[in-house]
Amino acid sequence: MLNYSKEEKLLIDIYRAVYWEIGVNIDELIESGETKKEGWFLNYCLSALRQKEILEDMLKGQKLTKLKRQVIRNSYYLGCSPKSC
């Protein structure tokens, strides 16, 4: 089993919440191997505003430094976030 940091777990939970918003279970995508395909996340779309709302809601109440919050934000947008529509 992999050992994830608190921040990595939070980022994964943010992805879960965002994809859940568009009716996709990201855990099922991971299990099916879909996420191993290049650019798989481009098949999904959610408004930039809604993505930001979910991201900020998930960060709210977390004991994180400003730097760690920004690292999580950057990691989210540079990672496998759905495209904005």
Protein backbone atom coordinates (compact mmCIF):
# COMPACT_ATOMS: atom_id res chain seq x y z
CA MET A 1 0.00 0.00 0.00
CA LEU A 2 1.24 3.47 -0.84
CA ASN A 3 1.84 6.02 1.87
CA TYR A 4 0.39 9.36 0.83
CA SER A 5 0.98 12.62 2.65
CA LYS A 6 -1.94 14.60 4.05
CA GLU A 7 -1.68 16.97 1.09
CA GLU A 8 -1.67 14.16 -1.47
CA LYS A 9 -4.75 12.59 0.13
CA LEU A 10 -6.49 15.97 0.05
CA LEU A 11 -5.65 16.43 -3.64
CA ILE A 12 -7.07 13.00 -4.45
CA ASP A 13 -10.23 13.85 -2.50
CA ILE A 14 -10.54 17.09 -4.48
CA TYR A 15 -10.34 15.13 -7.74
CA ARG A 16 -12.99 12.74 -6.41
CA ALA A 17 -15.31 15.64 -5.57
CA VAL A 18 -14.80 17.37 -8.91
CA TYR A 19 -15.38 14.26 -10.99
CA TRP A 20 -18.34 13.29 -8.80
CA GLU A 21 -19.87 16.66 -9.71
CA ILE A 22 -19.96 15.57 -13.35
CA GLY A 23 -21.21 12.09 -12.52
CA VAL A 24 -17.92 10.23 -12.80
CA ASN A 25 -16.43 7.93 -10.17
CA ILE A 26 -12.70 8.50 -10.52
CA ASP A 27 -11.93 5.39 -8.48
CA GLU A 28 -13.70 3.28 -11.11
CA LEU A 29 -11.71 5.02 -13.84
CA ILE A 30 -8.49 4.18 -12.02
CA GLU A 31 -9.52 0.53 -11.55
CA SER A 32 -10.51 0.17 -15.21
CA GLY A 33 -7.19 1.55 -16.41
CA GLU A 34 -8.82 4.53 -18.12
CA THR A 35 -6.53 6.94 -16.28
CA LYS A 36 -3.46 5.32 -17.82
CA LYS A 37 -4.44 6.61 -21.26
CA GLU A 38 -2.81 9.87 -22.25
CA GLY A 39 -5.12 12.87 -21.97
CA TRP A 40 -8.03 10.85 -20.55
CA PHE A 41 -9.18 13.84 -18.47
CA LEU A 42 -9.83 15.89 -21.62
CA ASN A 43 -12.94 13.77 -22.18
CA TYR A 44 -14.57 15.51 -19.21
CA CYS A 45 -15.73 19.09 -18.81
CA LEU A 46 -16.72 21.26 -15.84
CA SER A 47 -16.84 25.05 -15.64
CA ALA A 48 -13.73 26.71 -14.27
CA LEU A 49 -15.83 28.55 -11.71
CA ARG A 50 -17.35 25.34 -10.33
CA GLN A 51 -13.94 23.65 -10.21
CA LYS A 52 -12.55 26.58 -8.24
CA GLU A 53 -15.54 26.52 -5.84
CA ILE A 54 -15.03 22.81 -5.12
CA LEU A 55 -11.28 23.25 -4.72
CA GLU A 56 -11.65 26.16 -2.30
CA ASP A 57 -14.41 24.41 -0.32
CA MET A 58 -12.15 21.39 0.12
CA LEU A 59 -9.22 23.57 1.22
CA LYS A 60 -11.38 25.49 3.68
CA GLY A 61 -10.86 24.36 7.24
CA GLN A 62 -7.66 22.46 6.48
CA LYS A 63 -4.63 23.29 8.61
CA LEU A 64 -2.22 24.14 5.82
CA THR A 65 0.27 26.90 5.24
CA LYS A 66 -0.36 29.36 2.42
CA LEU A 67 2.44 27.71 0.48
CA LYS A 68 0.94 24.22 0.82
CA ARG A 69 -2.48 25.53 -0.23
CA GLN A 70 -0.95 27.05 -3.32
CA VAL A 71 0.99 23.87 -4.09
CA ILE A 72 -2.27 21.90 -3.94
CA ARG A 73 -4.02 24.42 -6.21
CA ASN A 74 -1.17 24.30 -8.72
CA SER A 75 -1.01 20.51 -8.58
CA TYR A 76 -4.75 20.30 -9.21
CA TYR A 77 -4.67 22.48 -12.31
CA LEU A 78 -1.46 20.94 -13.67
CA GLY A 79 -2.71 17.42 -12.94
CA CYS A 80 -5.73 15.60 -14.28
CA SER A 81 -8.44 18.19 -13.77
CA PRO A 82 -11.24 18.14 -16.34
CA LYS A 83 -11.16 20.78 -19.05
CA SER A 84 -13.10 23.99 -18.46
CA CYS A 85 -16.23 24.56 -20.47
